[in-house]
Amino acid sequence: MDQDQIIKEIITANQYNLAQKEKEAKLLPIFKEQIKTQIESLNNLKSFYNKFNVNIDDINSLNELPPIPVNMFKKFDLRTCKKEDVLRVLHSSSTTTGIPSKIYIDKKTAFRQTRSFLSTIKNFIGKERRPLLIIDTEEVDKAKTDTLTARGAAIRAITNFATKKTYVMDLKNGDLDVNFDRLKEFCNNFEGQDIIVYGFTYIIWSRFYKILKEKNLQLNFPNIKILHSGGWKKLIEQQVDKRTFNSEIASIFNTSPKNVIDYYGMVEQVGVVFVDCEEGWKHVPDFAEVIIRDFYTMSENEPKNPGLIEILSILPTSYPGQALLTEDVGEIIGIDDCPCGRKGKYFTFRSRVQKVELRGCGDTFAERRGD
């Protein structure tokens, strides 16, 4: 079986079934072959590995793969496919530097990202399509076909679960306002039914929840799944923790806090999302890996020791995303033994590294509004 077929089987299978040792044994040879191929097509990458004096054939574990810092995607044109094969370019949000990351996506990478996202999310909300309420503006999803922001990419991914999608926000003078006519129509059509809600964490809180709370409005969707991602920094500054967020958002929709589901992802690794399980921990899917590295030595930390989050993924062919060192802090909670029953590593996100650019899309929105 060739490598492409092996990868396809991994990303389309039911996730979280591989025990850690089995998973590492399956992924390591894939990573090694992918990196060797990409080194030959990108001089920056070849230089990076040469400086670390790394011989790919000598690597015996995933933690021996030197990770690329994510800010390199702001400083260099990291494309490993032919220019004519680029399907679209993803752009990260950016506030401090004003320079977004550029992620080149070809057809094969786009296919893998879509399939892997679906395989991951359906493990938590089921595979059934349902009406989707998007707490954002339609303009975010109307970008040119060859460029897309992280917010737009996230929305497009979740619409694969939709029978009908409704954008509940309007963009007015650079601000997001609830369109109560569309919200009322959505409620009239689907009240009490199984639905999905998606939005960026900070936007849901600041531009939807707070407005409905001020107006003393409550919706009636007990059978709901509320997915949200990104933008925690501003909420933490406002002393809104995850428990408070889940409880308050659930109250607006007349549902259980267990139906409010956070996931962690990044534009440099679209298709790889780490979703909170019933125990509140983020799980690593079978086609990816998370390594926590010491802040100073870059060695792999043992569980329960915070460090920098490294994300590994077998999805990309058009950019070097196999091993990326983020600017986020987290810690591994355990391996193969989460009470929820999912195999592999599970971890928690702690914070952004101090003095690092505020990069989350929801937080970017907050910065521009001056909140």
Protein backbone atom coordinates (compact mmCIF):
# COMPACT_ATOMS: atom_id res chain seq x y z
CA MET A 1 0.00 0.00 0.00
CA ASP A 2 1.45 3.39 -0.97
CA GLN A 3 1.80 6.25 1.50
CA ASP A 4 -1.11 8.30 0.13
CA GLN A 5 -3.48 5.38 0.66
CA ILE A 6 -2.18 4.80 4.20
CA ILE A 7 -2.74 8.47 5.06
CA LYS A 8 -6.23 8.38 3.56
CA GLU A 9 -7.13 5.36 5.69
CA ILE A 10 -5.83 7.03 8.85
CA ILE A 11 -7.70 10.31 8.36
CA THR A 12 -11.01 8.75 7.28
CA ALA A 13 -11.10 6.10 10.01
CA ASN A 14 -12.87 6.52 13.35
CA GLN A 15 -10.50 8.65 15.39
CA TYR A 16 -8.92 8.10 18.83
CA ASN A 17 -8.70 4.33 18.38
CA LEU A 18 -4.90 4.04 18.20
CA ALA A 19 -2.99 3.54 21.44
CA GLN A 20 0.02 5.84 21.72
CA LYS A 21 2.80 3.35 20.90
CA GLU A 22 0.88 1.93 17.93
CA LYS A 23 0.19 5.43 16.67
CA GLU A 24 3.82 6.56 16.88
CA ALA A 25 4.96 3.42 15.05
CA LYS A 26 2.47 4.12 12.27
CA LEU A 27 3.16 7.86 11.91
CA LEU A 28 6.97 8.01 12.19
CA PRO A 29 7.82 6.47 8.79
CA ILE A 30 5.21 8.71 7.15
CA PHE A 31 6.71 11.84 8.67
CA LYS A 32 10.23 10.84 7.66
CA GLU A 33 9.28 10.28 4.02
CA GLN A 34 7.23 13.48 3.88
CA ILE A 35 10.05 15.60 5.29
CA LYS A 36 12.66 14.10 2.96
CA THR A 37 10.43 14.95 0.00
CA GLN A 38 9.79 18.49 1.20
CA ILE A 39 13.45 19.20 1.94
CA GLU A 40 14.22 18.62 -1.74
CA SER A 41 11.60 21.16 -2.83
CA LEU A 42 12.35 23.98 -0.37
CA ASN A 43 15.81 25.42 0.27
CA ASN A 44 14.69 27.14 3.48
CA LEU A 45 13.69 23.77 4.91
CA LYS A 46 16.92 22.12 3.77
CA SER A 47 18.91 24.87 5.46
CA PHE A 48 16.84 24.49 8.64
CA TYR A 49 17.54 20.76 8.95
CA ASN A 50 21.20 21.18 7.98
CA LYS A 51 21.72 23.71 10.78
CA PHE A 52 20.39 21.15 13.25
CA ASN A 53 22.66 18.54 11.66
CA VAL A 54 19.68 16.21 11.33
CA ASN A 55 19.80 13.06 9.24
CA ILE A 56 16.17 12.08 8.69
CA ASP A 57 17.03 8.39 8.32
CA ASP A 58 18.55 8.38 11.82
CA ILE A 59 15.39 9.67 13.53
CA ASN A 60 13.85 7.02 15.79
CA SER A 61 11.01 8.92 17.49
CA LEU A 62 8.66 11.79 16.76
CA ASN A 63 10.25 14.05 19.37
CA GLU A 64 13.54 13.94 17.42
CA LEU A 65 11.97 15.84 14.50
CA PRO A 66 13.05 19.50 14.85
CA PRO A 67 9.89 21.64 14.78
CA ILE A 68 9.63 24.79 12.65
CA PRO A 69 8.57 27.88 14.66
CA VAL A 70 5.20 29.08 13.35
CA ASN A 71 6.43 32.66 12.95
CA MET A 72 8.60 31.45 10.07
CA PHE A 73 5.42 31.49 7.96
CA LYS A 74 5.39 35.26 8.41
CA LYS A 75 9.02 35.69 7.38
CA PHE A 76 9.44 33.22 4.51
CA ASP A 77 7.48 31.95 1.53
CA LEU A 78 7.20 28.32 2.64
CA ARG A 79 5.66 26.54 -0.34
CA THR A 80 6.56 22.94 -1.19
CA CYS A 81 4.26 22.44 -4.16
CA LYS A 82 4.42 23.94 -7.66
CA LYS A 83 3.07 27.48 -7.89
CA GLU A 84 0.44 26.41 -10.41
CA ASP A 85 -0.82 23.73 -8.00
CA VAL A 86 -1.76 26.24 -5.27
CA LEU A 87 -5.51 26.08 -4.74
CA ARG A 88 -5.71 28.88 -2.18
CA VAL A 89 -3.63 30.78 0.34
CA LEU A 90 -4.72 30.94 3.98
CA HIS A 91 -3.87 34.03 6.00
CA SER A 92 -3.62 34.22 9.77
CA SER A 93 -4.87 37.18 11.77
CA SER A 94 -2.24 39.71 12.81
CA THR A 95 -2.20 42.76 15.03
CA THR A 96 1.23 43.56 16.41
CA THR A 97 3.42 42.96 13.35
CA GLY A 98 0.75 43.53 10.72
CA ILE A 99 2.26 40.58 8.85
CA PRO A 100 0.02 37.50 8.53
CA SER A 101 1.20 33.96 8.07
CA LYS A 102 0.75 32.66 4.53
CA ILE A 103 -0.15 29.00 4.17
CA TYR A 104 -0.22 27.52 0.66
CA ILE A 105 -2.86 24.87 0.07
CA ASP A 106 -2.91 22.48 -2.88
CA LYS A 107 -5.72 20.14 -3.86
CA LYS A 108 -4.36 17.11 -2.00
CA THR A 109 -3.81 19.07 1.22
CA ALA A 110 -7.28 20.64 0.98
CA PHE A 111 -8.89 17.22 0.58
CA ARG A 112 -7.02 15.81 3.58
CA GLN A 113 -7.85 18.83 5.73
CA THR A 114 -11.56 18.54 5.00
CA ARG A 115 -11.72 14.79 5.59
CA SER A 116 -9.68 14.94 8.78
CA PHE A 117 -11.79 17.75 10.22
CA LEU A 118 -14.98 15.79 9.52
CA SER A 119 -13.53 12.62 11.07
CA THR A 120 -12.58 14.53 14.20
CA ILE A 121 -15.72 16.59 14.77
CA LYS A 122 -18.18 13.76 14.10
CA ASN A 123 -16.59 11.85 16.98
CA PHE A 124 -17.99 14.52 19.31
CA ILE A 125 -21.25 15.67 17.69
CA GLY A 126 -22.20 12.78 15.39
CA LYS A 127 -22.24 12.73 11.59
CA GLU A 128 -25.81 13.92 11.04
CA ARG A 129 -26.29 17.20 9.17
CA ARG A 130 -28.30 19.82 11.04
CA PRO A 131 -29.31 23.48 10.74
CA LEU A 132 -26.27 25.64 11.47
CA LEU A 133 -26.35 29.04 13.16
CA ILE A 134 -23.11 30.91 12.47
CA ILE A 135 -22.33 33.68 14.94
CA ASP A 136 -20.45 35.73 12.40
CA THR A 137 -21.01 37.70 9.23
CA GLU A 138 -21.39 36.17 5.78
CA GLU A 139 -18.66 38.48 4.46
CA VAL A 140 -16.06 36.36 6.26
CA ASP A 141 -16.92 33.47 3.93
CA LYS A 142 -17.02 35.60 0.78
CA ALA A 143 -13.30 35.97 0.27
CA LYS A 144 -11.73 35.41 -3.12
CA THR A 145 -11.52 31.74 -3.98
CA ASP A 146 -7.71 31.81 -3.86
CA THR A 147 -7.38 33.54 -0.47
CA LEU A 148 -9.08 32.90 2.86
CA THR A 149 -8.70 34.03 6.47
CA ALA A 150 -8.57 31.63 9.41
CA ARG A 151 -12.11 32.65 10.40
CA GLY A 152 -13.35 31.94 6.90
CA ALA A 153 -11.57 28.59 6.78
CA ALA A 154 -13.07 27.54 10.12
CA ILE A 155 -16.58 28.48 9.01
CA ARG A 156 -16.25 26.66 5.69
CA ALA A 157 -15.10 23.54 7.51
CA ILE A 158 -18.05 23.42 9.90
CA THR A 159 -20.60 24.03 7.12
CA ASN A 160 -19.96 20.44 6.00
CA PHE A 161 -22.29 19.48 8.88
CA ALA A 162 -25.07 21.89 7.82
CA THR A 163 -28.40 21.27 6.12
CA LYS A 164 -28.97 25.03 6.13
CA LYS A 165 -26.65 27.81 7.30
CA THR A 166 -27.72 31.13 8.80
CA TYR A 167 -25.30 33.98 9.48
CA VAL A 168 -26.72 35.88 12.43
CA MET A 169 -24.32 38.85 12.42
CA ASP A 170 -24.04 41.90 10.16
CA LEU A 171 -20.96 44.03 9.65
CA LYS A 172 -21.77 47.69 10.29
CA ASN A 173 -19.08 50.37 10.39
CA GLY A 174 -16.45 47.76 11.17
CA ASP A 175 -18.46 46.27 14.03
CA LEU A 176 -20.52 43.09 14.35
CA ASP A 177 -24.22 43.46 15.18
CA VAL A 178 -26.83 40.77 15.77
CA ASN A 179 -29.43 40.64 12.99
CA PHE A 180 -32.51 39.94 15.11
CA ASP A 181 -34.75 39.39 12.08
CA ARG A 182 -32.61 36.48 10.89
CA LEU A 183 -32.27 35.17 14.45
CA LYS A 184 -36.05 35.24 14.90
CA GLU A 185 -36.59 33.46 11.58
CA PHE A 186 -34.08 30.77 12.55
CA CYS A 187 -35.79 30.27 15.92
CA ASN A 188 -39.24 30.09 14.32
CA ASN A 189 -38.04 27.43 11.88
CA PHE A 190 -35.93 25.27 14.17
CA GLU A 191 -36.80 25.94 17.83
CA GLY A 192 -36.43 22.79 19.93
CA GLN A 193 -34.74 20.87 17.12
CA ASP A 194 -31.20 19.48 16.95
CA ILE A 195 -28.99 22.28 15.67
CA ILE A 196 -25.33 23.32 15.57
CA VAL A 197 -23.96 26.73 16.51
CA TYR A 198 -20.47 27.85 15.55
CA GLY A 199 -18.49 31.00 16.25
CA PHE A 200 -15.22 32.36 17.54
CA THR A 201 -15.08 32.34 21.32
CA TYR A 202 -14.67 36.06 21.86
CA ILE A 203 -17.26 37.01 19.23
CA ILE A 204 -19.85 34.67 20.75
CA TRP A 205 -19.25 36.19 24.18
CA SER A 206 -18.89 39.88 23.39
CA ARG A 207 -21.15 40.40 20.37
CA PHE A 208 -23.87 37.77 20.83
CA TYR A 209 -24.19 36.59 24.43
CA LYS A 210 -23.80 40.04 25.98
CA ILE A 211 -26.32 41.62 23.61
CA LEU A 212 -28.95 38.94 24.25
CA LYS A 213 -28.27 39.15 27.98
CA GLU A 214 -28.80 42.92 27.97
CA LYS A 215 -32.12 42.42 26.20
CA ASN A 216 -33.07 39.60 28.61
CA LEU A 217 -33.54 37.19 25.70
CA GLN A 218 -33.30 33.41 25.91
CA LEU A 219 -33.46 30.93 23.04
CA ASN A 220 -34.89 27.42 23.31
CA PHE A 221 -32.50 24.85 21.87
CA PRO A 222 -31.92 22.14 24.50
CA ASN A 223 -30.67 19.70 21.81
CA ILE A 224 -27.84 21.86 20.57
CA LYS A 225 -24.10 21.52 20.00
CA ILE A 226 -22.26 24.84 20.36
CA LEU A 227 -18.79 24.68 18.83
CA HIS A 228 -16.35 27.52 19.37
CA SER A 229 -12.65 28.16 18.90
CA GLY A 230 -9.98 30.82 19.40
CA GLY A 231 -9.92 34.15 21.18
CA TRP A 232 -9.52 33.20 24.87
CA LYS A 233 -6.94 35.84 25.78
CA LYS A 234 -9.40 38.73 26.05
CA LEU A 235 -11.87 36.63 28.04
CA ILE A 236 -9.17 35.62 30.50
CA GLU A 237 -8.33 39.30 30.95
CA GLN A 238 -12.01 39.85 31.78
CA GLN A 239 -11.85 36.95 34.27
CA VAL A 240 -14.15 34.77 32.20
CA ASP A 241 -12.94 31.18 32.58
CA LYS A 242 -14.12 28.14 30.64
CA ARG A 243 -16.63 27.06 33.29
CA THR A 244 -18.24 30.52 33.36
CA PHE A 245 -18.29 30.71 29.57
CA ASN A 246 -19.91 27.29 29.18
CA SER A 247 -22.51 27.98 31.86
CA GLU A 248 -23.49 31.42 30.57
CA ILE A 249 -23.60 30.47 26.89
CA ALA A 250 -25.64 27.35 27.72
CA SER A 251 -28.14 29.46 29.67
CA ILE A 252 -28.80 31.68 26.64
CA PHE A 253 -29.69 28.62 24.55
CA ASN A 254 -31.56 26.77 27.36
CA THR A 255 -29.22 23.79 27.19
CA SER A 256 -26.62 21.96 29.28
CA PRO A 257 -23.07 23.35 29.61
CA LYS A 258 -21.91 19.95 28.33
CA ASN A 259 -23.22 20.97 24.91
CA VAL A 260 -20.74 23.86 24.72
CA ILE A 261 -17.62 22.44 23.06
CA ASP A 262 -14.31 24.26 22.72
CA TYR A 263 -11.65 23.23 20.26
CA TYR A 264 -8.09 24.40 19.68
CA GLY A 265 -6.59 24.83 16.23
CA MET A 266 -4.45 27.15 14.13
CA VAL A 267 -4.31 28.35 10.52
CA GLU A 268 -0.91 26.71 10.07
CA GLN A 269 -2.54 23.34 10.80
CA VAL A 270 -6.02 23.56 9.27
CA GLY A 271 -7.77 20.20 9.51
CA VAL A 272 -6.10 19.42 12.83
CA VAL A 273 -8.35 20.40 15.73
CA PHE A 274 -8.17 19.35 19.36
CA VAL A 275 -11.66 19.07 20.79
CA ASP A 276 -12.68 19.05 24.45
CA CYS A 277 -14.05 15.70 25.56
CA GLU A 278 -16.70 15.14 28.23
CA GLU A 279 -13.98 15.37 30.88
CA GLY A 280 -12.82 18.78 29.61
CA TRP A 281 -9.53 17.63 28.04
CA LYS A 282 -8.36 18.17 24.47
CA HIS A 283 -7.64 15.00 22.50
CA VAL A 284 -5.11 14.39 19.74
CA PRO A 285 -6.53 12.65 16.63
CA ASP A 286 -4.79 9.65 15.09
CA PHE A 287 -3.30 11.59 12.15
CA ALA A 288 -1.60 14.19 14.37
CA GLU A 289 0.51 14.47 17.47
CA VAL A 290 1.20 16.96 20.25
CA ILE A 291 4.55 17.27 22.00
CA ILE A 292 5.11 19.64 24.92
CA ARG A 293 8.63 21.08 24.88
CA ASP A 294 10.62 22.67 27.69
CA PHE A 295 10.77 26.47 27.42
CA TYR A 296 14.58 26.53 27.60
CA THR A 297 15.98 23.16 26.51
CA MET A 298 13.32 22.24 23.89
CA SER A 299 13.40 18.66 25.18
CA GLU A 300 10.09 16.80 25.47
CA ASN A 301 8.33 17.33 28.80
CA GLU A 302 6.76 14.57 30.82
CA PRO A 303 2.98 14.77 31.48
CA LYS A 304 1.83 17.45 33.94
CA ASN A 305 4.78 19.74 33.06
CA PRO A 306 3.79 22.88 31.10
CA GLY A 307 5.76 23.91 28.04
CA LEU A 308 5.48 25.04 24.44
CA ILE A 309 2.95 23.17 22.32
CA GLU A 310 4.33 21.48 19.22
CA ILE A 311 1.80 20.18 16.69
CA LEU A 312 2.65 17.44 14.19
CA SER A 313 0.45 16.52 11.23
CA ILE A 314 0.66 14.15 8.27
CA LEU A 315 -1.87 16.22 6.26
CA PRO A 316 0.14 18.88 4.35
CA THR A 317 1.88 18.35 1.02
CA SER A 318 2.02 22.00 -0.09
CA TYR A 319 3.81 23.52 2.91
CA PRO A 320 6.15 22.19 5.64
CA GLY A 321 3.58 21.65 8.39
CA GLN A 322 4.74 18.25 9.59
CA ALA A 323 6.19 19.61 12.87
CA LEU A 324 5.40 23.15 14.02
CA LEU A 325 6.35 24.83 17.28
CA THR A 326 3.53 27.12 18.40
CA GLU A 327 3.61 30.19 20.63
CA ASP A 328 1.13 28.54 23.00
CA VAL A 329 1.63 26.94 26.40
CA GLY A 330 0.03 23.64 27.38
CA GLU A 331 0.63 20.39 29.21
CA ILE A 332 -0.07 16.74 28.60
CA ILE A 333 -2.58 15.45 31.15
CA GLY A 334 -2.32 11.76 30.31
CA ILE A 335 -1.89 9.09 27.64
CA ASP A 336 -4.37 6.35 26.66
CA ASP A 337 -6.24 6.59 29.97
CA CYS A 338 -8.81 9.39 29.70
CA PRO A 339 -12.09 8.39 31.38
CA CYS A 340 -13.90 9.36 28.16
CA GLY A 341 -12.39 6.26 26.52
CA ARG A 342 -10.47 7.96 23.70
CA LYS A 343 -6.94 6.68 23.10
CA GLY A 344 -3.74 8.68 22.67
CA LYS A 345 -2.56 11.85 24.36
CA TYR A 346 -4.90 14.36 25.95
CA PHE A 347 -3.83 17.79 27.06
CA THR A 348 -4.89 21.25 28.15
CA PHE A 349 -4.16 24.66 26.68
CA ARG A 350 -2.81 27.06 29.31
CA SER A 351 -2.02 30.40 27.67
CA ARG A 352 -0.17 32.27 24.99
CA VAL A 353 3.52 32.85 25.59
CA GLN A 354 3.97 36.27 27.17
CA LYS A 355 5.00 39.15 24.88
CA VAL A 356 3.91 37.22 21.81
CA GLU A 357 1.71 38.81 19.18
CA LEU A 358 -2.00 38.53 19.90
CA ARG A 359 -2.79 36.25 17.00
CA GLY A 360 -6.21 34.72 17.59
CA CYS A 361 -8.89 35.82 15.15
CA GLY A 362 -11.41 36.55 17.87
CA ASP A 363 -8.76 38.50 19.76
CA THR A 364 -7.84 40.40 16.60
CA PHE A 365 -11.44 41.50 16.36
CA ALA A 366 -11.27 42.61 19.99
CA GLU A 367 -8.09 44.60 19.36
CA ARG A 368 -9.64 46.43 16.43
CA ARG A 369 -12.70 47.33 18.45
CA GLY A 370 -10.53 48.46 21.36
CA ASP A 371 -12.28 46.14 23.85
